[in-house]
Amino acid sequence: MTKDKLLKDQLQTMVQKASRSIAAAKRLIDQGDHDFASSRAYYATFYAIEAILLTKNLIRPWQCLKNSSGYYILSGFIEPSNKTSASNS
């Protein structure tokens, strides 16, 4: 298997996992299970960030998940939707 094919397969897997997690979060919200829905939404975000990191040749995203969104926002890769940090609340 070529490197490009392997990357494409990994990206497809991460996008599918993110989509499934979003769908599960929606079902859980409909059932009134908001705390578990937030967990699924968290993992949807994790899988999406993992896909981004895979495109940057950072194959171990769980090692830098905490800083990954900040890195991409600061680098201009992702536009922040809200500049207020939760820690400032």
C-alpha atoms as a PDB file:
ATOM      1  CA  MET A   1       0.000   0.000   0.000  1.00  0.00           C
ATOM      2  CA  THR A   2       1.371   3.412  -0.947  1.00  0.00           C
ATOM      3  CA  LYS A   3       1.775   6.242   1.558  1.00  0.00           C
ATOM      4  CA  ASP A   4      -0.868   8.312  -0.229  1.00  0.00           C
ATOM      5  CA  LYS A   5      -3.365   5.438  -0.176  1.00  0.00           C
ATOM      6  CA  LEU A   6      -2.686   4.822   3.518  1.00  0.00           C
ATOM      7  CA  LEU A   7      -3.202   8.507   4.328  1.00  0.00           C
ATOM      8  CA  LYS A   8      -6.401   8.619   2.263  1.00  0.00           C
ATOM      9  CA  ASP A   9      -7.737   5.548   4.089  1.00  0.00           C
ATOM     10  CA  GLN A  10      -6.846   7.014   7.488  1.00  0.00           C
ATOM     11  CA  LEU A  11      -8.501  10.334   6.626  1.00  0.00           C
ATOM     12  CA  GLN A  12     -11.619   8.565   5.409  1.00  0.00           C
ATOM     13  CA  THR A  13     -11.780   6.583   8.655  1.00  0.00           C
ATOM     14  CA  MET A  14     -11.445   9.721  10.793  1.00  0.00           C
ATOM     15  CA  VAL A  15     -14.113  11.597   8.810  1.00  0.00           C
ATOM     16  CA  GLN A  16     -16.475   8.612   9.071  1.00  0.00           C
ATOM     17  CA  LYS A  17     -15.897   8.410  12.831  1.00  0.00           C
ATOM     18  CA  ALA A  18     -16.572  12.139  13.178  1.00  0.00           C
ATOM     19  CA  SER A  19     -19.798  11.818  11.176  1.00  0.00           C
ATOM     20  CA  ARG A  20     -20.950   8.822  13.213  1.00  0.00           C
ATOM     21  CA  SER A  21     -20.174  10.662  16.449  1.00  0.00           C
ATOM     22  CA  ILE A  22     -22.226  13.676  15.329  1.00  0.00           C
ATOM     23  CA  ALA A  23     -25.134  11.419  14.371  1.00  0.00           C
ATOM     24  CA  ALA A  24     -24.922   9.670  17.751  1.00  0.00           C
ATOM     25  CA  ALA A  25     -24.824  13.036  19.558  1.00  0.00           C
ATOM     26  CA  LYS A  26     -27.989  14.119  17.722  1.00  0.00           C
ATOM     27  CA  ARG A  27     -29.765  10.889  18.686  1.00  0.00           C
ATOM     28  CA  LEU A  28     -28.700  11.315  22.301  1.00  0.00           C
ATOM     29  CA  ILE A  29     -29.942  14.918  22.357  1.00  0.00           C
ATOM     30  CA  ASP A  30     -33.296  13.756  20.974  1.00  0.00           C
ATOM     31  CA  GLN A  31     -33.462  11.250  23.835  1.00  0.00           C
ATOM     32  CA  GLY A  32     -32.664  13.981  26.375  1.00  0.00           C
ATOM     33  CA  ASP A  33     -29.272  12.495  27.210  1.00  0.00           C
ATOM     34  CA  HIS A  34     -27.304  15.725  26.972  1.00  0.00           C
ATOM     35  CA  ASP A  35     -24.225  14.769  28.987  1.00  0.00           C
ATOM     36  CA  PHE A  36     -23.492  11.760  26.777  1.00  0.00           C
ATOM     37  CA  ALA A  37     -24.323  13.819  23.681  1.00  0.00           C
ATOM     38  CA  SER A  38     -21.607  16.278  24.669  1.00  0.00           C
ATOM     39  CA  SER A  39     -19.176  13.381  24.943  1.00  0.00           C
ATOM     40  CA  ARG A  40     -19.997  12.257  21.398  1.00  0.00           C
ATOM     41  CA  ALA A  41     -19.626  15.851  20.175  1.00  0.00           C
ATOM     42  CA  TYR A  42     -16.212  16.002  21.848  1.00  0.00           C
ATOM     43  CA  TYR A  43     -15.131  12.870  20.009  1.00  0.00           C
ATOM     44  CA  ALA A  44     -16.472  14.210  16.711  1.00  0.00           C
ATOM     45  CA  THR A  45     -14.162  17.185  17.235  1.00  0.00           C
ATOM     46  CA  PHE A  46     -11.301  14.880  18.218  1.00  0.00           C
ATOM     47  CA  TYR A  47     -11.664  12.823  15.038  1.00  0.00           C
ATOM     48  CA  ALA A  48     -11.865  15.955  12.873  1.00  0.00           C
ATOM     49  CA  ILE A  49      -8.715  17.377  14.469  1.00  0.00           C
ATOM     50  CA  GLU A  50      -7.052  14.004  14.090  1.00  0.00           C
ATOM     51  CA  ALA A  51      -7.783  14.161  10.345  1.00  0.00           C
ATOM     52  CA  ILE A  52      -6.253  17.648  10.153  1.00  0.00           C
ATOM     53  CA  LEU A  53      -3.171  16.469  12.017  1.00  0.00           C
ATOM     54  CA  LEU A  54      -2.821  13.481   9.699  1.00  0.00           C
ATOM     55  CA  THR A  55      -2.604  15.886   6.740  1.00  0.00           C
ATOM     56  CA  LYS A  56       0.258  17.654   8.571  1.00  0.00           C
ATOM     57  CA  ASN A  57       2.118  14.349   9.121  1.00  0.00           C
ATOM     58  CA  LEU A  58       1.366  14.378  12.855  1.00  0.00           C
ATOM     59  CA  ILE A  59       0.218  10.785  13.169  1.00  0.00           C
ATOM     60  CA  ARG A  60      -0.087  10.841  16.977  1.00  0.00           C
ATOM     61  CA  PRO A  61      -2.838  13.445  17.477  1.00  0.00           C
ATOM     62  CA  TRP A  62      -3.755  12.326  21.006  1.00  0.00           C
ATOM     63  CA  GLN A  63      -0.323  13.560  22.114  1.00  0.00           C
ATOM     64  CA  CYS A  64      -1.054  17.113  20.992  1.00  0.00           C
ATOM     65  CA  LEU A  65      -4.861  17.340  21.023  1.00  0.00           C
ATOM     66  CA  LYS A  66      -4.850  19.849  23.871  1.00  0.00           C
ATOM     67  CA  ASN A  67      -2.718  22.287  21.889  1.00  0.00           C
ATOM     68  CA  SER A  68      -3.832  21.415  18.371  1.00  0.00           C
ATOM     69  CA  SER A  69      -6.808  23.758  18.102  1.00  0.00           C
ATOM     70  CA  GLY A  70      -4.748  26.612  19.515  1.00  0.00           C
ATOM     71  CA  TYR A  71      -1.980  25.903  17.031  1.00  0.00           C
ATOM     72  CA  TYR A  72      -4.323  25.979  14.062  1.00  0.00           C
ATOM     73  CA  ILE A  73      -6.101  29.100  15.289  1.00  0.00           C
ATOM     74  CA  LEU A  74      -2.832  30.951  15.949  1.00  0.00           C
ATOM     75  CA  SER A  75      -1.361  29.876  12.613  1.00  0.00           C
ATOM     76  CA  GLY A  76      -4.469  31.113  10.786  1.00  0.00           C
ATOM     77  CA  PHE A  77      -5.367  27.610   9.621  1.00  0.00           C
ATOM     78  CA  ILE A  78      -8.693  27.801  11.479  1.00  0.00           C
ATOM     79  CA  GLU A  79     -10.633  31.002  12.147  1.00  0.00           C
ATOM     80  CA  PRO A  80     -11.756  31.189  15.768  1.00  0.00           C
ATOM     81  CA  SER A  81     -15.508  31.511  16.203  1.00  0.00           C
ATOM     82  CA  ASN A  82     -15.149  33.027  19.657  1.00  0.00           C
ATOM     83  CA  LYS A  83     -11.953  34.521  21.064  1.00  0.00           C
ATOM     84  CA  THR A  84     -13.153  34.251  24.655  1.00  0.00           C
ATOM     85  CA  SER A  85     -11.508  31.367  26.473  1.00  0.00           C
ATOM     86  CA  ALA A  86     -13.563  29.170  28.793  1.00  0.00           C
ATOM     87  CA  SER A  87     -10.920  29.771  31.460  1.00  0.00           C
ATOM     88  CA  ASN A  88     -11.711  33.515  31.345  1.00  0.00           C
ATOM     89  CA  SER A  89     -15.328  32.901  32.373  1.00  0.00           C
END
